[in-house]
Amino acid sequence: MIKHLWQTHRIALMAFTFALCALGYFGFKTISSTIYWMDPAHQDQALADWMTPRYVGQSYKLPREIVLEALMMDPDAPPRRISIREIAQDNGVTMEDLQTRVRDAAVLWDTMQRPPRND
């Protein structure tokens, strides 16, 4: 059957194989990311030197703009891979200061996302 398809519909078979590989790759990436971020050990983690702003945003469930503001980064600057340690050094602050700013931003974001109570 495959031999017949290869002889008669080579391009379609290659496209289907490519699509199947892409589906497997992106499906695996999606499932592994979901499992990783659902683990409570990866949520609201204390900042570490190696973390990137994107990782912090994922850990605290914060949008990019909020993370950049908390980390004192220019939102209009082109994206670049930078560590939290470099951000602290560039701004002359300690890791504890950044941790406080991120936690405060997370609390503020959480209160903004909660629907108002009608008592």
Protein backbone atom coordinates (compact mmCIF):
# COMPACT_ATOMS: atom_id res chain seq x y z
CA MET A 1 0.00 0.00 0.00
CA ILE A 2 2.74 2.46 0.97
CA LYS A 3 4.71 1.48 -2.12
CA HIS A 4 1.68 2.21 -4.31
CA LEU A 5 1.14 5.60 -2.62
CA TRP A 6 4.84 6.41 -3.03
CA GLN A 7 4.69 5.64 -6.74
CA THR A 8 1.41 7.43 -7.47
CA HIS A 9 1.13 10.22 -4.87
CA ARG A 10 4.68 10.94 -3.77
CA ILE A 11 4.19 14.65 -2.95
CA ALA A 12 0.96 14.02 -1.07
CA LEU A 13 2.58 11.22 0.94
CA MET A 14 5.58 13.42 1.81
CA ALA A 15 3.25 16.28 2.82
CA PHE A 16 1.19 13.91 4.96
CA THR A 17 4.34 12.50 6.60
CA PHE A 18 5.63 16.01 7.29
CA ALA A 19 2.25 17.06 8.75
CA LEU A 20 2.18 13.94 10.91
CA CYS A 21 5.70 14.66 12.23
CA ALA A 22 4.78 18.29 12.93
CA LEU A 23 1.64 17.17 14.76
CA GLY A 24 3.67 14.77 16.87
CA TYR A 25 6.33 17.39 17.66
CA PHE A 26 3.94 20.18 18.61
CA GLY A 27 1.62 17.79 20.42
CA PHE A 28 4.53 16.54 22.52
CA LYS A 29 5.69 20.12 23.24
CA THR A 30 2.17 21.14 24.30
CA ILE A 31 1.64 18.15 26.56
CA SER A 32 5.10 18.39 28.16
CA SER A 33 4.68 22.15 28.78
CA THR A 34 1.26 21.59 30.31
CA ILE A 35 2.60 18.90 32.63
CA TYR A 36 5.60 21.06 33.59
CA TRP A 37 3.58 24.18 34.43
CA MET A 38 0.81 22.25 36.22
CA ASP A 39 3.36 21.02 38.75
CA PRO A 40 2.97 23.16 41.91
CA ALA A 41 6.76 23.19 42.30
CA HIS A 42 6.98 25.39 39.19
CA GLN A 43 4.29 27.87 40.20
CA ASP A 44 5.17 31.10 42.03
CA GLN A 45 8.81 30.05 42.30
CA ALA A 46 11.30 32.24 44.13
CA LEU A 47 13.47 34.06 41.61
CA ALA A 48 16.75 32.44 40.69
CA ASP A 49 19.72 33.85 38.77
CA TRP A 50 19.12 31.67 35.71
CA MET A 51 15.46 32.56 35.17
CA THR A 52 14.32 34.65 32.21
CA PRO A 53 11.45 37.16 32.24
CA ARG A 54 9.37 34.70 30.21
CA TYR A 55 9.93 31.96 32.78
CA VAL A 56 8.93 34.35 35.59
CA GLY A 57 5.77 35.26 33.69
CA GLN A 58 4.88 31.59 33.22
CA SER A 59 5.59 30.75 36.85
CA TYR A 60 3.48 33.61 38.22
CA LYS A 61 0.87 33.51 35.41
CA LEU A 62 1.52 37.15 34.54
CA PRO A 63 1.22 38.83 31.15
CA ARG A 64 4.37 40.07 29.46
CA GLU A 65 3.67 43.77 30.15
CA ILE A 66 3.30 43.20 33.89
CA VAL A 67 6.49 41.13 34.09
CA LEU A 68 8.50 43.71 32.14
CA GLU A 69 7.24 46.51 34.39
CA ALA A 70 8.02 44.54 37.55
CA LEU A 71 11.52 43.75 36.27
CA MET A 72 12.13 47.37 35.22
CA MET A 73 12.50 46.50 31.55
CA ASP A 74 11.48 48.65 28.57
CA PRO A 75 8.40 47.05 26.95
CA ASP A 76 9.24 48.71 23.62
CA ALA A 77 12.74 47.22 23.49
CA PRO A 78 13.21 44.25 21.18
CA PRO A 79 12.84 40.92 22.98
CA ARG A 80 16.08 39.35 24.09
CA ARG A 81 17.04 36.43 26.26
CA ILE A 82 18.34 37.91 29.50
CA SER A 83 18.63 36.40 32.96
CA ILE A 84 17.20 37.82 36.15
CA ARG A 85 20.77 38.21 37.46
CA GLU A 86 21.64 40.47 34.51
CA ILE A 87 18.47 42.51 35.03
CA ALA A 88 19.34 43.02 38.71
CA GLN A 89 22.89 44.06 37.83
CA ASP A 90 21.74 46.43 35.07
CA ASN A 91 19.31 48.17 37.43
CA GLY A 92 21.54 48.13 40.52
CA VAL A 93 19.07 46.19 42.66
CA THR A 94 19.23 42.95 44.59
CA MET A 95 17.45 39.72 43.77
CA GLU A 96 15.31 40.27 46.86
CA ASP A 97 14.16 43.64 45.47
CA LEU A 98 13.16 42.01 42.20
CA GLN A 99 11.42 39.20 44.09
CA THR A 100 9.40 41.76 46.05
CA ARG A 101 8.47 43.62 42.86
CA VAL A 102 7.36 40.42 41.12
CA ARG A 103 5.30 39.22 44.10
CA ASP A 104 3.64 42.64 44.41
CA ALA A 105 2.84 42.61 40.70
CA ALA A 106 1.38 39.10 41.01
CA VAL A 107 -0.83 40.13 43.92
CA LEU A 108 -2.01 43.23 42.04
CA TRP A 109 -2.68 41.20 38.89
CA ASP A 110 -4.59 38.60 40.90
CA THR A 111 -6.83 41.24 42.47
CA MET A 112 -7.47 42.79 39.06
CA GLN A 113 -8.51 39.40 37.64
CA ARG A 114 -10.93 38.52 40.41
CA PRO A 115 -14.55 39.46 39.66
CA PRO A 116 -16.08 41.99 42.06
CA ARG A 117 -18.17 40.57 44.88
CA ASN A 118 -21.81 41.56 45.15
CA ASP A 119 -22.58 41.41 48.85
